[in-house]
Amino acid sequence: MAVDKNDDRGAIKDPDEWVTGEEPMTGAQESYVHTLAREAGEPVDDGMTKAEASKKIEELQEQTGRGNAQTNKRNRAPRSKKGS
């Protein structure tokens, strides 16, 4: 099966390019950014957009040693299928 190199459905996009990036951050983002901020001892703006929250999460992950989400996704081993 040929791979379409122009197919970016699985690509990791920059948050600034997200169609929904200007929407308010999600509940999951809000919870996680607050958890990381507490660990890092940093304040958090509750009015962040999805894109801003994503960037802040990446920054705080590096500060707290939790790593970078994009790196973790790229380095994650593929899941095996049940019964394999």
PDB file of N, CA and C in Angstrom:
ATOM      1  N   MET A   1       0.847  -1.184   0.000  1.00  0.00           N
ATOM      2  CA  MET A   1       0.000   0.000   0.000  1.00  0.00           C
ATOM      3  C   MET A   1       0.886   1.239   0.000  1.00  0.00           C
ATOM      4  N   ALA A   2       0.648   2.146  -0.896  1.00  0.00           N
ATOM      5  CA  ALA A   2       1.434   3.375  -1.007  1.00  0.00           C
ATOM      6  C   ALA A   2       1.059   4.337   0.108  1.00  0.00           C
ATOM      7  N   VAL A   3       2.054   5.056   0.590  1.00  0.00           N
ATOM      8  CA  VAL A   3       1.839   6.049   1.637  1.00  0.00           C
ATOM      9  C   VAL A   3       1.798   7.426   0.989  1.00  0.00           C
ATOM     10  N   ASP A   4       0.755   8.175   1.271  1.00  0.00           N
ATOM     11  CA  ASP A   4       0.618   9.532   0.746  1.00  0.00           C
ATOM     12  C   ASP A   4       1.397  10.472   1.661  1.00  0.00           C
ATOM     13  N   LYS A   5       2.519  10.987   1.189  1.00  0.00           N
ATOM     14  CA  LYS A   5       3.362  11.867   2.002  1.00  0.00           C
ATOM     15  C   LYS A   5       2.697  13.204   2.296  1.00  0.00           C
ATOM     16  N   ASN A   6       1.648  13.544   1.542  1.00  0.00           N
ATOM     17  CA  ASN A   6       0.929  14.792   1.773  1.00  0.00           C
ATOM     18  C   ASN A   6      -0.219  14.626   2.757  1.00  0.00           C
ATOM     19  N   ASP A   7      -0.450  13.404   3.224  1.00  0.00           N
ATOM     20  CA  ASP A   7      -1.532  13.128   4.170  1.00  0.00           C
ATOM     21  C   ASP A   7      -1.025  13.453   5.574  1.00  0.00           C
ATOM     22  N   ASP A   8      -1.554  14.525   6.168  1.00  0.00           N
ATOM     23  CA  ASP A   8      -1.070  14.956   7.483  1.00  0.00           C
ATOM     24  C   ASP A   8      -2.042  14.654   8.611  1.00  0.00           C
ATOM     25  N   ARG A   9      -2.936  13.699   8.410  1.00  0.00           N
ATOM     26  CA  ARG A   9      -3.920  13.401   9.461  1.00  0.00           C
ATOM     27  C   ARG A   9      -3.264  12.978  10.763  1.00  0.00           C
ATOM     28  N   GLY A  10      -2.130  12.313  10.695  1.00  0.00           N
ATOM     29  CA  GLY A  10      -1.448  11.871  11.905  1.00  0.00           C
ATOM     30  C   GLY A  10      -0.348  12.813  12.342  1.00  0.00           C
ATOM     31  N   ALA A  11      -0.174  13.906  11.621  1.00  0.00           N
ATOM     32  CA  ALA A  11       0.895  14.851  11.924  1.00  0.00           C
ATOM     33  C   ALA A  11       0.594  15.627  13.199  1.00  0.00           C
ATOM     34  N   ILE A  12       1.647  16.005  13.876  1.00  0.00           N
ATOM     35  CA  ILE A  12       1.507  16.831  15.067  1.00  0.00           C
ATOM     36  C   ILE A  12       1.637  18.274  14.625  1.00  0.00           C
ATOM     37  N   LYS A  13       0.536  19.020  14.739  1.00  0.00           N
ATOM     38  CA  LYS A  13       0.518  20.414  14.290  1.00  0.00           C
ATOM     39  C   LYS A  13       0.898  21.356  15.413  1.00  0.00           C
ATOM     40  N   ASP A  14       1.461  22.464  15.008  1.00  0.00           N
ATOM     41  CA  ASP A  14       1.765  23.529  15.940  1.00  0.00           C
ATOM     42  C   ASP A  14       0.432  24.075  16.454  1.00  0.00           C
ATOM     43  N   PRO A  15       0.306  24.286  17.766  1.00  0.00           N
ATOM     44  CA  PRO A  15      -0.960  24.811  18.309  1.00  0.00           C
ATOM     45  C   PRO A  15      -1.431  26.101  17.650  1.00  0.00           C
ATOM     46  N   ASP A  16      -0.501  26.904  17.130  1.00  0.00           N
ATOM     47  CA  ASP A  16      -0.890  28.142  16.449  1.00  0.00           C
ATOM     48  C   ASP A  16      -1.648  27.865  15.155  1.00  0.00           C
ATOM     49  N   GLU A  17      -1.547  26.653  14.629  1.00  0.00           N
ATOM     50  CA  GLU A  17      -2.216  26.285  13.387  1.00  0.00           C
ATOM     51  C   GLU A  17      -3.539  25.559  13.613  1.00  0.00           C
ATOM     52  N   TRP A  18      -3.905  25.325  14.874  1.00  0.00           N
ATOM     53  CA  TRP A  18      -5.141  24.611  15.173  1.00  0.00           C
ATOM     54  C   TRP A  18      -6.347  25.447  14.780  1.00  0.00           C
ATOM     55  N   VAL A  19      -7.324  24.828  14.165  1.00  0.00           N
ATOM     56  CA  VAL A  19      -8.568  25.505  13.806  1.00  0.00           C
ATOM     57  C   VAL A  19      -9.305  25.961  15.065  1.00  0.00           C
ATOM     58  N   THR A  20      -9.243  25.158  16.111  1.00  0.00           N
ATOM     59  CA  THR A  20      -9.953  25.469  17.359  1.00  0.00           C
ATOM     60  C   THR A  20      -9.033  26.066  18.417  1.00  0.00           C
ATOM     61  N   GLY A  21      -7.843  26.491  18.026  1.00  0.00           N
ATOM     62  CA  GLY A  21      -6.848  26.981  18.978  1.00  0.00           C
ATOM     63  C   GLY A  21      -7.267  28.195  19.780  1.00  0.00           C
ATOM     64  N   GLU A  22      -8.180  28.989  19.251  1.00  0.00           N
ATOM     65  CA  GLU A  22      -8.618  30.199  19.959  1.00  0.00           C
ATOM     66  C   GLU A  22      -9.780  29.941  20.912  1.00  0.00           C
ATOM     67  N   GLU A  23     -10.294  28.726  20.925  1.00  0.00           N
ATOM     68  CA  GLU A  23     -11.371  28.381  21.863  1.00  0.00           C
ATOM     69  C   GLU A  23     -10.795  28.264  23.266  1.00  0.00           C
ATOM     70  N   PRO A  24     -11.626  28.414  24.284  1.00  0.00           N
ATOM     71  CA  PRO A  24     -11.138  28.251  25.659  1.00  0.00           C
ATOM     72  C   PRO A  24     -10.554  26.857  25.872  1.00  0.00           C
ATOM     73  N   MET A  25      -9.541  26.774  26.747  1.00  0.00           N
ATOM     74  CA  MET A  25      -8.927  25.474  27.008  1.00  0.00           C
ATOM     75  C   MET A  25      -9.979  24.486  27.503  1.00  0.00           C
ATOM     76  N   THR A  26      -9.727  23.218  27.251  1.00  0.00           N
ATOM     77  CA  THR A  26     -10.656  22.172  27.671  1.00  0.00           C
ATOM     78  C   THR A  26     -10.526  21.918  29.172  1.00  0.00           C
ATOM     79  N   GLY A  27     -11.477  21.224  29.722  1.00  0.00           N
ATOM     80  CA  GLY A  27     -11.417  20.863  31.141  1.00  0.00           C
ATOM     81  C   GLY A  27     -10.195  20.024  31.462  1.00  0.00           C
ATOM     82  N   ALA A  28      -9.855  19.115  30.556  1.00  0.00           N
ATOM     83  CA  ALA A  28      -8.673  18.262  30.763  1.00  0.00           C
ATOM     84  C   ALA A  28      -7.399  19.102  30.749  1.00  0.00           C
ATOM     85  N   GLN A  29      -7.307  20.039  29.805  1.00  0.00           N
ATOM     86  CA  GLN A  29      -6.141  20.916  29.761  1.00  0.00           C
ATOM     87  C   GLN A  29      -6.043  21.753  31.031  1.00  0.00           C
ATOM     88  N   GLU A  30      -7.175  22.289  31.465  1.00  0.00           N
ATOM     89  CA  GLU A  30      -7.184  23.126  32.662  1.00  0.00           C
ATOM     90  C   GLU A  30      -6.698  22.349  33.877  1.00  0.00           C
ATOM     91  N   SER A  31      -7.198  21.150  34.046  1.00  0.00           N
ATOM     92  CA  SER A  31      -6.794  20.322  35.170  1.00  0.00           C
ATOM     93  C   SER A  31      -5.305  20.000  35.125  1.00  0.00           C
ATOM     94  N   TYR A  32      -4.825  19.589  33.936  1.00  0.00           N
ATOM     95  CA  TYR A  32      -3.432  19.181  33.807  1.00  0.00           C
ATOM     96  C   TYR A  32      -2.483  20.367  33.952  1.00  0.00           C
ATOM     97  N   VAL A  33      -2.822  21.509  33.364  1.00  0.00           N
ATOM     98  CA  VAL A  33      -1.938  22.664  33.461  1.00  0.00           C
ATOM     99  C   VAL A  33      -1.843  23.133  34.914  1.00  0.00           C
ATOM    100  N   HIS A  34      -2.942  23.035  35.658  1.00  0.00           N
ATOM    101  CA  HIS A  34      -2.900  23.419  37.083  1.00  0.00           C
ATOM    102  C   HIS A  34      -2.062  22.434  37.893  1.00  0.00           C
ATOM    103  N   THR A  35      -2.164  21.159  37.582  1.00  0.00           N
ATOM    104  CA  THR A  35      -1.349  20.152  38.271  1.00  0.00           C
ATOM    105  C   THR A  35       0.134  20.425  38.033  1.00  0.00           C
ATOM    106  N   LEU A  36       0.502  20.624  36.772  1.00  0.00           N
ATOM    107  CA  LEU A  36       1.898  20.890  36.441  1.00  0.00           C
ATOM    108  C   LEU A  36       2.382  22.198  37.051  1.00  0.00           C
ATOM    109  N   ALA A  37       1.541  23.226  37.018  1.00  0.00           N
ATOM    110  CA  ALA A  37       1.925  24.528  37.568  1.00  0.00           C
ATOM    111  C   ALA A  37       2.180  24.434  39.067  1.00  0.00           C
ATOM    112  N   ARG A  38       1.351  23.670  39.768  1.00  0.00           N
ATOM    113  CA  ARG A  38       1.574  23.470  41.209  1.00  0.00           C
ATOM    114  C   ARG A  38       2.936  22.831  41.436  1.00  0.00           C
ATOM    115  N   GLU A  39       3.244  21.794  40.651  1.00  0.00           N
ATOM    116  CA  GLU A  39       4.530  21.115  40.806  1.00  0.00           C
ATOM    117  C   GLU A  39       5.701  22.042  40.492  1.00  0.00           C
ATOM    118  N   ALA A  40       5.526  22.919  39.516  1.00  0.00           N
ATOM    119  CA  ALA A  40       6.588  23.834  39.098  1.00  0.00           C
ATOM    120  C   ALA A  40       6.622  25.106  39.939  1.00  0.00           C
ATOM    121  N   GLY A  41       5.585  25.318  40.759  1.00  0.00           N
ATOM    122  CA  GLY A  41       5.511  26.527  41.575  1.00  0.00           C
ATOM    123  C   GLY A  41       5.286  27.779  40.745  1.00  0.00           C
ATOM    124  N   GLU A  42       4.510  27.635  39.670  1.00  0.00           N
ATOM    125  CA  GLU A  42       4.248  28.757  38.764  1.00  0.00           C
ATOM    126  C   GLU A  42       2.770  29.108  38.746  1.00  0.00           C
ATOM    127  N   PRO A  43       2.466  30.387  38.539  1.00  0.00           N
ATOM    128  CA  PRO A  43       1.059  30.777  38.398  1.00  0.00           C
ATOM    129  C   PRO A  43       0.535  30.389  37.009  1.00  0.00           C
ATOM    130  N   VAL A  44      -0.785  30.267  36.892  1.00  0.00           N
ATOM    131  CA  VAL A  44      -1.420  29.905  35.625  1.00  0.00           C
ATOM    132  C   VAL A  44      -2.565  30.867  35.350  1.00  0.00           C
ATOM    133  N   ASP A  45      -2.674  31.289  34.099  1.00  0.00           N
ATOM    134  CA  ASP A  45      -3.770  32.145  33.656  1.00  0.00           C
ATOM    135  C   ASP A  45      -4.976  31.264  33.367  1.00  0.00           C
ATOM    136  N   ASP A  46      -6.064  31.460  34.085  1.00  0.00           N
ATOM    137  CA  ASP A  46      -7.264  30.637  33.886  1.00  0.00           C
ATOM    138  C   ASP A  46      -7.988  30.935  32.577  1.00  0.00           C
ATOM    139  N   GLY A  47      -7.642  32.027  31.907  1.00  0.00           N
ATOM    140  CA  GLY A  47      -8.327  32.406  30.687  1.00  0.00           C
ATOM    141  C   GLY A  47      -7.600  31.990  29.411  1.00  0.00           C
ATOM    142  N   MET A  48      -6.746  30.982  29.488  1.00  0.00           N
ATOM    143  CA  MET A  48      -5.978  30.571  28.313  1.00  0.00           C
ATOM    144  C   MET A  48      -6.854  29.904  27.248  1.00  0.00           C
ATOM    145  N   THR A  49      -6.396  30.024  26.006  1.00  0.00           N
ATOM    146  CA  THR A  49      -7.040  29.313  24.900  1.00  0.00           C
ATOM    147  C   THR A  49      -6.470  27.899  24.836  1.00  0.00           C
ATOM    148  N   LYS A  50      -7.058  27.059  23.980  1.00  0.00           N
ATOM    149  CA  LYS A  50      -6.541  25.703  23.799  1.00  0.00           C
ATOM    150  C   LYS A  50      -5.076  25.728  23.366  1.00  0.00           C
ATOM    151  N   ALA A  51      -4.754  26.607  22.427  1.00  0.00           N
ATOM    152  CA  ALA A  51      -3.379  26.683  21.925  1.00  0.00           C
ATOM    153  C   ALA A  51      -2.417  27.163  23.016  1.00  0.00           C
ATOM    154  N   GLU A  52      -2.818  28.192  23.757  1.00  0.00           N
ATOM    155  CA  GLU A  52      -1.970  28.706  24.837  1.00  0.00           C
ATOM    156  C   GLU A  52      -1.755  27.649  25.913  1.00  0.00           C
ATOM    157  N   ALA A  53      -2.819  26.933  26.258  1.00  0.00           N
ATOM    158  CA  ALA A  53      -2.714  25.891  27.281  1.00  0.00           C
ATOM    159  C   ALA A  53      -1.781  24.780  26.818  1.00  0.00           C
ATOM    160  N   SER A  54      -1.867  24.406  25.555  1.00  0.00           N
ATOM    161  CA  SER A  54      -1.005  23.365  25.025  1.00  0.00           C
ATOM    162  C   SER A  54       0.468  23.755  25.135  1.00  0.00           C
ATOM    163  N   LYS A  55       0.763  24.995  24.773  1.00  0.00           N
ATOM    164  CA  LYS A  55       2.142  25.480  24.862  1.00  0.00           C
ATOM    165  C   LYS A  55       2.615  25.521  26.317  1.00  0.00           C
ATOM    166  N   LYS A  56       1.738  25.989  27.212  1.00  0.00           N
ATOM    167  CA  LYS A  56       2.099  26.078  28.628  1.00  0.00           C
ATOM    168  C   LYS A  56       2.329  24.682  29.203  1.00  0.00           C
ATOM    169  N   ILE A  57       1.506  23.723  28.805  1.00  0.00           N
ATOM    170  CA  ILE A  57       1.669  22.346  29.271  1.00  0.00           C
ATOM    171  C   ILE A  57       3.032  21.808  28.848  1.00  0.00           C
ATOM    172  N   GLU A  58       3.410  22.024  27.597  1.00  0.00           N
ATOM    173  CA  GLU A  58       4.718  21.560  27.130  1.00  0.00           C
ATOM    174  C   GLU A  58       5.844  22.208  27.929  1.00  0.00           C
ATOM    175  N   GLU A  59       5.728  23.505  28.168  1.00  0.00           N
ATOM    176  CA  GLU A  59       6.739  24.226  28.940  1.00  0.00           C
ATOM    177  C   GLU A  59       6.848  23.655  30.354  1.00  0.00           C
ATOM    178  N   LEU A  60       5.695  23.456  30.992  1.00  0.00           N
ATOM    179  CA  LEU A  60       5.690  22.948  32.365  1.00  0.00           C
ATOM    180  C   LEU A  60       6.123  21.488  32.445  1.00  0.00           C
ATOM    181  N   GLN A  61       5.837  20.699  31.423  1.00  0.00           N
ATOM    182  CA  GLN A  61       6.292  19.314  31.405  1.00  0.00           C
ATOM    183  C   GLN A  61       7.816  19.263  31.439  1.00  0.00           C
ATOM    184  N   GLU A  62       8.439  20.131  30.677  1.00  0.00           N
ATOM    185  CA  GLU A  62       9.898  20.173  30.667  1.00  0.00           C
ATOM    186  C   GLU A  62      10.444  20.622  32.014  1.00  0.00           C
ATOM    187  N   GLN A  63       9.803  21.617  32.621  1.00  0.00           N
ATOM    188  CA  GLN A  63      10.259  22.124  33.918  1.00  0.00           C
ATOM    189  C   GLN A  63      10.118  21.087  35.017  1.00  0.00           C
ATOM    190  N   THR A  64       9.055  20.302  34.966  1.00  0.00           N
ATOM    191  CA  THR A  64       8.794  19.333  36.031  1.00  0.00           C
ATOM    192  C   THR A  64       9.422  17.971  35.768  1.00  0.00           C
ATOM    193  N   GLY A  65      10.038  17.813  34.594  1.00  0.00           N
ATOM    194  CA  GLY A  65      10.657  16.533  34.274  1.00  0.00           C
ATOM    195  C   GLY A  65       9.685  15.490  33.766  1.00  0.00           C
ATOM    196  N   ARG A  66       8.471  15.918  33.467  1.00  0.00           N
ATOM    197  CA  ARG A  66       7.486  14.976  32.945  1.00  0.00           C
ATOM    198  C   ARG A  66       7.669  14.750  31.453  1.00  0.00           C
ATOM    199  N   GLY A  67       8.597  15.460  30.856  1.00  0.00           N
ATOM    200  CA  GLY A  67       8.881  15.262  29.444  1.00  0.00           C
ATOM    201  C   GLY A  67       7.970  16.057  28.554  1.00  0.00           C
ATOM    202  N   ASN A  68       8.190  15.901  27.269  1.00  0.00           N
ATOM    203  CA  ASN A  68       7.437  16.616  26.253  1.00  0.00           C
ATOM    204  C   ASN A  68       6.396  15.697  25.666  1.00  0.00           C
ATOM    205  N   ALA A  69       5.163  16.136  25.605  1.00  0.00           N
ATOM    206  CA  ALA A  69       4.063  15.315  25.095  1.00  0.00           C
ATOM    207  C   ALA A  69       4.323  14.858  23.674  1.00  0.00           C
ATOM    208  N   GLN A  70       4.842  15.716  22.813  1.00  0.00           N
ATOM    209  CA  GLN A  70       5.094  15.331  21.425  1.00  0.00           C
ATOM    210  C   GLN A  70       6.160  14.257  21.361  1.00  0.00           C
ATOM    211  N   THR A  71       7.219  14.394  22.154  1.00  0.00           N
ATOM    212  CA  THR A  71       8.271  13.383  22.173  1.00  0.00           C
ATOM    213  C   THR A  71       7.719  12.078  22.698  1.00  0.00           C
ATOM    214  N   ASN A  72       6.903  12.147  23.747  1.00  0.00           N
ATOM    215  CA  ASN A  72       6.329  10.928  24.307  1.00  0.00           C
ATOM    216  C   ASN A  72       5.466  10.207  23.286  1.00  0.00           C
ATOM    217  N   LYS A  73       4.672  10.939  22.503  1.00  0.00           N
ATOM    218  CA  LYS A  73       3.821  10.319  21.488  1.00  0.00           C
ATOM    219  C   LYS A  73       4.657   9.656  20.410  1.00  0.00           C
ATOM    220  N   ARG A  74       5.734  10.332  19.989  1.00  0.00           N
ATOM    221  CA  ARG A  74       6.572   9.786  18.928  1.00  0.00           C
ATOM    222  C   ARG A  74       7.332   8.562  19.399  1.00  0.00           C
ATOM    223  N   ASN A  75       7.713   8.529  20.676  1.00  0.00           N
ATOM    224  CA  ASN A  75       8.533   7.435  21.188  1.00  0.00           C
ATOM    225  C   ASN A  75       7.727   6.302  21.801  1.00  0.00           C
ATOM    226  N   ARG A  76       6.416   6.456  21.867  1.00  0.00           N
ATOM    227  CA  ARG A  76       5.568   5.432  22.471  1.00  0.00           C
ATOM    228  C   ARG A  76       5.567   4.191  21.602  1.00  0.00           C
ATOM    229  N   ALA A  77       5.732   3.038  22.233  1.00  0.00           N
ATOM    230  CA  ALA A  77       5.698   1.775  21.493  1.00  0.00           C
ATOM    231  C   ALA A  77       4.290   1.524  20.997  1.00  0.00           C
ATOM    232  N   PRO A  78       4.148   0.941  19.801  1.00  0.00           N
ATOM    233  CA  PRO A  78       2.803   0.642  19.301  1.00  0.00           C
ATOM    234  C   PRO A  78       2.104  -0.369  20.209  1.00  0.00           C
ATOM    235  N   ARG A  79       0.805  -0.203  20.335  1.00  0.00           N
ATOM    236  CA  ARG A  79       0.031  -1.132  21.144  1.00  0.00           C
ATOM    237  C   ARG A  79      -0.121  -2.439  20.401  1.00  0.00           C
ATOM    238  N   SER A  80       0.012  -3.517  21.141  1.00  0.00           N
ATOM    239  CA  SER A  80      -0.189  -4.812  20.479  1.00  0.00           C
ATOM    240  C   SER A  80      -1.670  -5.156  20.482  1.00  0.00           C
ATOM    241  N   LYS A  81      -2.077  -5.890  19.481  1.00  0.00           N
ATOM    242  CA  LYS A  81      -3.474  -6.300  19.384  1.00  0.00           C
ATOM    243  C   LYS A  81      -3.712  -7.480  20.310  1.00  0.00           C
ATOM    244  N   LYS A  82      -4.909  -7.514  20.893  1.00  0.00           N
ATOM    245  CA  LYS A  82      -5.261  -8.632  21.767  1.00  0.00           C
ATOM    246  C   LYS A  82      -5.171  -9.928  20.980  1.00  0.00           C
ATOM    247  N   GLY A  83      -4.630 -10.933  21.619  1.00  0.00           N
ATOM    248  CA  GLY A  83      -4.531 -12.233  21.000  1.00  0.00           C
ATOM    249  C   GLY A  83      -3.311 -12.378  20.117  1.00  0.00           C
ATOM    250  N   SER A  84      -2.463 -11.325  20.051  1.00  0.00           N
ATOM    251  CA  SER A  84      -1.267 -11.402  19.216  1.00  0.00           C
ATOM    252  C   SER A  84      -0.108 -11.898  20.030  1.00  0.00           C
TER     253      SER A  84
END
